[in-house]
Amino acid sequence: MGGELASGYYVEPLVLEGISFDSHSMHQEYFGPVFSLYKVKNEEEALTYANRSNFGHGLTIFSESPETCKNLGTRARVGIVSIN
């Protein structure tokens, strides 16, 4: 990191993408700015992946459909659900 952040205690964010659901990173709990992206075919597959995780801190649902949000949100095994 450069500029005004160069002398501070900051960690650059890391985005992991193109990895399989069964990859090592899916089953690790990172304490830093790490974000894993998984491409899924549909809402059911997304929910299946979310519920298979060993970590269930939170889930964010992005949808224009209130019905979809309610359906997925009530079936997710997580501590908190955010809807956008």
N, C-alpha and C. Protein backbone atom coordinates (compact mmCIF):
# COMPACT_ATOMS: atom_id res chain seq x y z
N MET A 1 0.84 -1.17 0.00
CA MET A 1 0.00 0.00 0.00
C MET A 1 0.88 1.23 0.00
N GLY A 2 0.44 2.18 -0.75
CA GLY A 2 1.21 3.40 -0.82
C GLY A 2 0.44 4.58 -0.24
N GLY A 3 0.99 5.75 -0.43
CA GLY A 3 0.32 6.96 0.02
C GLY A 3 0.21 7.05 1.52
N GLU A 4 -0.87 7.61 2.00
CA GLU A 4 -1.05 7.83 3.43
C GLU A 4 -1.19 6.53 4.23
N LEU A 5 -1.46 5.41 3.57
CA LEU A 5 -1.60 4.13 4.27
C LEU A 5 -0.27 3.40 4.45
N ALA A 6 0.77 3.89 3.81
CA ALA A 6 2.05 3.18 3.81
C ALA A 6 2.64 3.02 5.20
N SER A 7 2.40 3.96 6.10
CA SER A 7 3.03 3.87 7.42
C SER A 7 2.08 3.36 8.50
N GLY A 8 0.91 2.92 8.12
CA GLY A 8 -0.06 2.44 9.11
C GLY A 8 -0.09 0.94 9.20
N TYR A 9 -0.93 0.46 10.09
CA TYR A 9 -1.09 -0.98 10.29
C TYR A 9 -2.33 -1.43 9.53
N TYR A 10 -2.17 -1.67 8.26
CA TYR A 10 -3.28 -2.04 7.39
C TYR A 10 -2.93 -3.31 6.64
N VAL A 11 -3.95 -4.06 6.33
CA VAL A 11 -3.78 -5.27 5.54
C VAL A 11 -4.60 -5.10 4.28
N GLU A 12 -3.96 -5.32 3.14
CA GLU A 12 -4.68 -5.20 1.89
C GLU A 12 -5.75 -6.29 1.81
N PRO A 13 -6.93 -5.94 1.31
CA PRO A 13 -7.97 -6.96 1.16
C PRO A 13 -7.59 -7.97 0.08
N LEU A 14 -8.08 -9.17 0.26
CA LEU A 14 -7.82 -10.25 -0.68
C LEU A 14 -9.15 -10.83 -1.13
N VAL A 15 -9.34 -10.96 -2.44
CA VAL A 15 -10.54 -11.57 -3.00
C VAL A 15 -10.12 -12.87 -3.68
N LEU A 16 -10.71 -13.97 -3.20
CA LEU A 16 -10.45 -15.28 -3.80
C LEU A 16 -11.60 -15.61 -4.73
N GLU A 17 -11.30 -15.89 -5.97
CA GLU A 17 -12.35 -16.25 -6.92
C GLU A 17 -11.86 -17.37 -7.82
N GLY A 18 -12.82 -18.04 -8.44
CA GLY A 18 -12.46 -19.15 -9.32
C GLY A 18 -12.00 -20.38 -8.56
N ILE A 19 -12.39 -20.48 -7.31
CA ILE A 19 -12.01 -21.64 -6.51
C ILE A 19 -13.22 -22.54 -6.32
N SER A 20 -12.98 -23.80 -6.10
CA SER A 20 -14.10 -24.73 -5.93
C SER A 20 -14.63 -24.67 -4.51
N PHE A 21 -15.85 -25.12 -4.35
CA PHE A 21 -16.46 -25.12 -3.03
C PHE A 21 -15.71 -26.06 -2.08
N ASP A 22 -15.10 -27.07 -2.60
CA ASP A 22 -14.38 -28.03 -1.78
C ASP A 22 -12.92 -27.62 -1.53
N SER A 23 -12.55 -26.43 -1.94
CA SER A 23 -11.17 -25.99 -1.76
C SER A 23 -10.86 -25.74 -0.28
N HIS A 24 -9.61 -25.74 0.03
CA HIS A 24 -9.14 -25.52 1.40
C HIS A 24 -9.64 -24.18 1.95
N SER A 25 -9.66 -23.16 1.12
CA SER A 25 -10.04 -21.83 1.60
C SER A 25 -11.50 -21.76 2.03
N MET A 26 -12.35 -22.63 1.50
CA MET A 26 -13.76 -22.61 1.89
C MET A 26 -13.94 -23.05 3.34
N HIS A 27 -13.00 -23.78 3.85
CA HIS A 27 -13.14 -24.34 5.18
C HIS A 27 -12.18 -23.70 6.19
N GLN A 28 -11.76 -22.48 5.88
CA GLN A 28 -10.90 -21.72 6.78
C GLN A 28 -11.63 -20.47 7.24
N GLU A 29 -11.38 -20.08 8.45
CA GLU A 29 -11.94 -18.84 8.97
C GLU A 29 -10.83 -17.81 9.01
N TYR A 30 -10.94 -16.83 8.15
CA TYR A 30 -9.92 -15.80 8.05
C TYR A 30 -10.29 -14.62 8.94
N PHE A 31 -9.32 -14.12 9.66
CA PHE A 31 -9.53 -12.94 10.49
C PHE A 31 -8.81 -11.78 9.83
N GLY A 32 -9.36 -11.35 8.75
CA GLY A 32 -8.79 -10.25 7.99
C GLY A 32 -9.69 -9.99 6.81
N PRO A 33 -9.30 -9.06 5.99
CA PRO A 33 -10.15 -8.70 4.85
C PRO A 33 -10.01 -9.70 3.69
N VAL A 34 -10.60 -10.88 3.88
CA VAL A 34 -10.57 -11.92 2.86
C VAL A 34 -12.00 -12.22 2.45
N PHE A 35 -12.26 -12.22 1.16
CA PHE A 35 -13.61 -12.44 0.63
C PHE A 35 -13.53 -13.52 -0.44
N SER A 36 -14.31 -14.58 -0.28
CA SER A 36 -14.32 -15.66 -1.26
C SER A 36 -15.56 -15.55 -2.14
N LEU A 37 -15.36 -15.63 -3.43
CA LEU A 37 -16.46 -15.58 -4.39
C LEU A 37 -16.65 -16.95 -5.01
N TYR A 38 -17.90 -17.40 -5.02
CA TYR A 38 -18.23 -18.68 -5.63
C TYR A 38 -19.34 -18.45 -6.64
N LYS A 39 -19.17 -18.98 -7.82
CA LYS A 39 -20.19 -18.87 -8.85
C LYS A 39 -21.12 -20.07 -8.72
N VAL A 40 -22.42 -19.79 -8.61
CA VAL A 40 -23.41 -20.85 -8.48
C VAL A 40 -24.42 -20.74 -9.61
N LYS A 41 -25.15 -21.83 -9.83
CA LYS A 41 -26.11 -21.87 -10.93
C LYS A 41 -27.45 -21.23 -10.58
N ASN A 42 -27.83 -21.31 -9.30
CA ASN A 42 -29.15 -20.80 -8.91
C ASN A 42 -29.20 -20.56 -7.40
N GLU A 43 -30.33 -20.09 -6.93
CA GLU A 43 -30.50 -19.77 -5.51
C GLU A 43 -30.37 -21.00 -4.62
N GLU A 44 -30.89 -22.12 -5.07
CA GLU A 44 -30.83 -23.34 -4.26
C GLU A 44 -29.39 -23.79 -4.06
N GLU A 45 -28.59 -23.70 -5.12
CA GLU A 45 -27.19 -24.09 -5.00
C GLU A 45 -26.46 -23.13 -4.05
N ALA A 46 -26.77 -21.86 -4.11
CA ALA A 46 -26.16 -20.88 -3.20
C ALA A 46 -26.51 -21.21 -1.75
N LEU A 47 -27.76 -21.54 -1.50
CA LEU A 47 -28.19 -21.88 -0.14
C LEU A 47 -27.52 -23.17 0.34
N THR A 48 -27.40 -24.13 -0.54
CA THR A 48 -26.72 -25.39 -0.19
C THR A 48 -25.29 -25.11 0.21
N TYR A 49 -24.57 -24.30 -0.57
CA TYR A 49 -23.18 -23.97 -0.24
C TYR A 49 -23.11 -23.22 1.08
N ALA A 50 -23.98 -22.25 1.28
CA ALA A 50 -23.96 -21.47 2.52
C ALA A 50 -24.21 -22.37 3.73
N ASN A 51 -25.13 -23.29 3.61
CA ASN A 51 -25.46 -24.16 4.74
C ASN A 51 -24.42 -25.26 4.97
N ARG A 52 -23.56 -25.53 3.99
CA ARG A 52 -22.50 -26.52 4.16
C ARG A 52 -21.28 -25.96 4.84
N SER A 53 -21.21 -24.66 4.97
CA SER A 53 -20.06 -24.02 5.57
C SER A 53 -19.98 -24.33 7.06
N ASN A 54 -18.77 -24.44 7.56
CA ASN A 54 -18.56 -24.63 8.99
C ASN A 54 -18.75 -23.33 9.76
N PHE A 55 -18.82 -22.24 9.05
CA PHE A 55 -18.91 -20.93 9.67
C PHE A 55 -20.23 -20.30 9.24
N GLY A 56 -21.01 -19.88 10.20
CA GLY A 56 -22.32 -19.34 9.88
C GLY A 56 -22.56 -17.99 10.50
N HIS A 57 -21.61 -17.11 10.36
CA HIS A 57 -21.73 -15.81 10.99
C HIS A 57 -22.83 -14.96 10.37
N GLY A 58 -22.82 -14.83 9.06
CA GLY A 58 -23.80 -13.97 8.42
C GLY A 58 -23.96 -14.28 6.95
N LEU A 59 -25.09 -13.85 6.43
CA LEU A 59 -25.43 -14.06 5.03
C LEU A 59 -26.08 -12.79 4.52
N THR A 60 -25.68 -12.34 3.35
CA THR A 60 -26.32 -11.19 2.72
C THR A 60 -27.00 -11.65 1.45
N ILE A 61 -28.26 -11.28 1.30
CA ILE A 61 -29.05 -11.65 0.14
C ILE A 61 -29.33 -10.40 -0.67
N PHE A 62 -28.97 -10.43 -1.94
CA PHE A 62 -29.25 -9.34 -2.86
C PHE A 62 -30.33 -9.82 -3.82
N SER A 63 -31.50 -9.22 -3.76
CA SER A 63 -32.59 -9.62 -4.64
C SER A 63 -33.62 -8.50 -4.71
N GLU A 64 -34.32 -8.43 -5.82
CA GLU A 64 -35.43 -7.49 -5.96
C GLU A 64 -36.73 -8.11 -5.49
N SER A 65 -36.70 -9.39 -5.16
CA SER A 65 -37.90 -10.13 -4.78
C SER A 65 -37.97 -10.34 -3.27
N PRO A 66 -38.95 -9.72 -2.59
CA PRO A 66 -39.10 -9.96 -1.16
C PRO A 66 -39.37 -11.43 -0.84
N GLU A 67 -40.05 -12.14 -1.73
CA GLU A 67 -40.33 -13.56 -1.51
C GLU A 67 -39.04 -14.38 -1.51
N THR A 68 -38.15 -14.07 -2.44
CA THR A 68 -36.86 -14.77 -2.50
C THR A 68 -36.07 -14.52 -1.23
N CYS A 69 -36.04 -13.28 -0.79
CA CYS A 69 -35.31 -12.93 0.44
C CYS A 69 -35.85 -13.70 1.64
N LYS A 70 -37.16 -13.72 1.77
CA LYS A 70 -37.77 -14.42 2.90
C LYS A 70 -37.51 -15.92 2.82
N ASN A 71 -37.66 -16.48 1.64
CA ASN A 71 -37.45 -17.92 1.44
C ASN A 71 -36.02 -18.32 1.78
N LEU A 72 -35.06 -17.63 1.23
CA LEU A 72 -33.66 -17.99 1.49
C LEU A 72 -33.25 -17.64 2.91
N GLY A 73 -33.69 -16.49 3.39
CA GLY A 73 -33.30 -16.04 4.72
C GLY A 73 -33.78 -16.95 5.84
N THR A 74 -34.97 -17.50 5.70
CA THR A 74 -35.50 -18.37 6.75
C THR A 74 -34.91 -19.77 6.69
N ARG A 75 -34.32 -20.14 5.57
CA ARG A 75 -33.76 -21.48 5.43
C ARG A 75 -32.24 -21.51 5.63
N ALA A 76 -31.64 -20.36 5.77
CA ALA A 76 -30.18 -20.29 5.95
C ALA A 76 -29.85 -20.56 7.41
N ARG A 77 -28.81 -21.36 7.61
CA ARG A 77 -28.35 -21.67 8.97
C ARG A 77 -27.17 -20.74 9.30
N VAL A 78 -27.50 -19.51 9.62
CA VAL A 78 -26.50 -18.50 9.94
C VAL A 78 -26.95 -17.71 11.15
N GLY A 79 -26.05 -16.92 11.69
CA GLY A 79 -26.38 -16.12 12.86
C GLY A 79 -27.16 -14.86 12.53
N ILE A 80 -26.92 -14.27 11.36
CA ILE A 80 -27.60 -13.05 10.98
C ILE A 80 -27.80 -13.03 9.47
N VAL A 81 -28.94 -12.52 9.04
CA VAL A 81 -29.23 -12.39 7.61
C VAL A 81 -29.44 -10.91 7.31
N SER A 82 -28.72 -10.41 6.31
CA SER A 82 -28.91 -9.05 5.82
C SER A 82 -29.53 -9.11 4.45
N ILE A 83 -30.48 -8.23 4.21
CA ILE A 83 -31.15 -8.19 2.91
C ILE A 83 -30.91 -6.83 2.29
N ASN A 84 -30.46 -6.84 1.05
CA ASN A 84 -30.21 -5.58 0.34
C ASN A 84 -31.13 -5.53 -0.86
